[in-house]
Amino acid sequence: MILSHYRYLFNRISAHSMLGAATLTLANAAIAQGLSKATGVLQTLQNELTSIIPICATILLLFIGLAYAGRFLEKEAAIRWAIGIIIAGSAVQITAMLFT
């Protein structure tokens, strides 16, 4: 009696485990199909940002130079802004090189 009860529980647990594994496998396949589209969108965004950010940084450096020449910015502030923009623009290019 006890042995048959354990056998019944073992079979029931095995059946539920198989059902759970099958459900997870199907769910993973469905999620992977949905993620391929998201991966493509994020890759496109990365490529666009890699080309846009250096252009924006160059334009901002030009504006900082003009603001310093027109005496709208002090030398110290212009240098701080220029260094920050150069670091941000360089970081984008360095990460693009490392992760491609």
Protein backbone atom coordinates (compact mmCIF):
# COMPACT_ATOMS: atom_id res chain seq x y z
CA MET A 1 0.00 0.00 0.00
CA ILE A 2 2.69 2.48 0.99
CA LEU A 3 4.87 1.44 -1.94
CA SER A 4 2.05 1.96 -4.41
CA HIS A 5 1.37 5.38 -2.90
CA TYR A 6 5.02 6.41 -3.39
CA ARG A 7 4.97 5.05 -6.93
CA TYR A 8 1.81 7.09 -7.62
CA LEU A 9 3.46 10.25 -6.24
CA PHE A 10 6.64 9.62 -8.22
CA ASN A 11 4.69 9.17 -11.46
CA ARG A 12 2.64 12.27 -10.77
CA ILE A 13 5.73 14.37 -10.00
CA SER A 14 7.46 13.05 -13.11
CA ALA A 15 4.46 13.92 -15.26
CA HIS A 16 4.31 17.45 -13.86
CA SER A 17 8.05 17.89 -14.31
CA MET A 18 7.84 16.83 -17.95
CA LEU A 19 4.89 19.16 -18.52
CA GLY A 20 6.76 22.04 -16.88
CA ALA A 21 9.90 21.40 -18.92
CA ALA A 22 7.89 21.29 -22.15
CA THR A 23 6.11 24.53 -21.26
CA LEU A 24 9.39 26.29 -20.51
CA THR A 25 10.93 25.06 -23.75
CA LEU A 26 8.00 26.32 -25.81
CA ALA A 27 7.98 29.61 -23.93
CA ASN A 28 11.70 30.09 -24.53
CA ALA A 29 11.26 29.48 -28.25
CA ALA A 30 8.43 32.03 -28.41
CA ILE A 31 10.43 34.57 -26.43
CA ALA A 32 13.47 34.05 -28.65
CA GLN A 33 11.42 34.85 -31.75
CA GLY A 34 10.16 38.05 -30.16
CA LEU A 35 13.62 39.02 -28.98
CA SER A 36 15.14 38.75 -32.45
CA LYS A 37 13.08 41.76 -33.54
CA ALA A 38 14.05 43.70 -30.41
CA THR A 39 17.70 42.78 -30.94
CA GLY A 40 17.54 44.14 -34.48
CA VAL A 41 15.99 47.40 -33.30
CA LEU A 42 18.60 47.85 -30.57
CA GLN A 43 21.42 47.09 -33.01
CA THR A 44 20.08 49.75 -35.38
CA LEU A 45 19.83 52.23 -32.50
CA GLN A 46 23.42 51.49 -31.50
CA ASN A 47 24.67 52.01 -35.06
CA GLU A 48 22.79 55.30 -35.38
CA LEU A 49 24.03 56.61 -32.02
CA THR A 50 27.59 55.63 -32.89
CA SER A 51 27.44 57.90 -35.92
CA ILE A 52 25.33 60.74 -34.43
CA ILE A 53 27.13 61.34 -31.11
CA PRO A 54 30.56 62.24 -32.57
CA ILE A 55 28.88 64.67 -34.98
CA CYS A 56 26.97 66.30 -32.11
CA ALA A 57 30.15 66.47 -30.02
CA THR A 58 32.00 68.21 -32.86
CA ILE A 59 29.19 70.75 -33.29
CA LEU A 60 29.09 71.40 -29.53
CA LEU A 61 32.85 71.93 -29.47
CA LEU A 62 32.45 74.44 -32.29
CA PHE A 63 29.77 76.30 -30.31
CA ILE A 64 31.95 76.29 -27.20
CA GLY A 65 34.80 77.76 -29.21
CA LEU A 66 32.51 80.46 -30.59
CA ALA A 67 31.12 81.20 -27.11
CA TYR A 68 34.65 81.53 -25.74
CA ALA A 69 35.68 83.73 -28.67
CA GLY A 70 32.61 85.92 -28.15
CA ARG A 71 33.41 86.13 -24.43
CA PHE A 72 30.17 84.44 -23.39
CA LEU A 73 32.16 81.73 -21.56
CA GLU A 74 35.17 82.09 -19.35
CA LYS A 75 38.28 80.12 -20.19
CA GLU A 76 37.90 77.69 -17.27
CA ALA A 77 34.26 76.91 -18.08
CA ALA A 78 35.04 76.46 -21.77
CA ILE A 79 37.86 74.05 -20.98
CA ARG A 80 35.65 72.04 -18.58
CA TRP A 81 32.87 71.78 -21.14
CA ALA A 82 35.29 70.87 -23.93
CA ILE A 83 36.95 68.13 -21.88
CA GLY A 84 33.57 66.68 -20.90
CA ILE A 85 32.34 66.63 -24.49
CA ILE A 86 35.58 65.07 -25.74
CA ILE A 87 35.35 62.35 -23.08
CA ALA A 88 31.71 61.61 -23.93
CA GLY A 89 32.39 61.45 -27.68
CA SER A 90 35.47 59.30 -27.16
CA ALA A 91 33.62 56.92 -24.84
CA VAL A 92 31.08 56.17 -27.56
CA GLN A 93 33.81 55.37 -30.07
CA ILE A 94 35.80 53.26 -27.61
CA THR A 95 32.78 51.18 -26.60
CA ALA A 96 31.87 50.73 -30.27
CA MET A 97 35.38 49.40 -30.94
CA LEU A 98 35.36 47.09 -27.93
CA PHE A 99 31.93 45.54 -28.46
CA THR A 100 32.03 44.97 -32.22
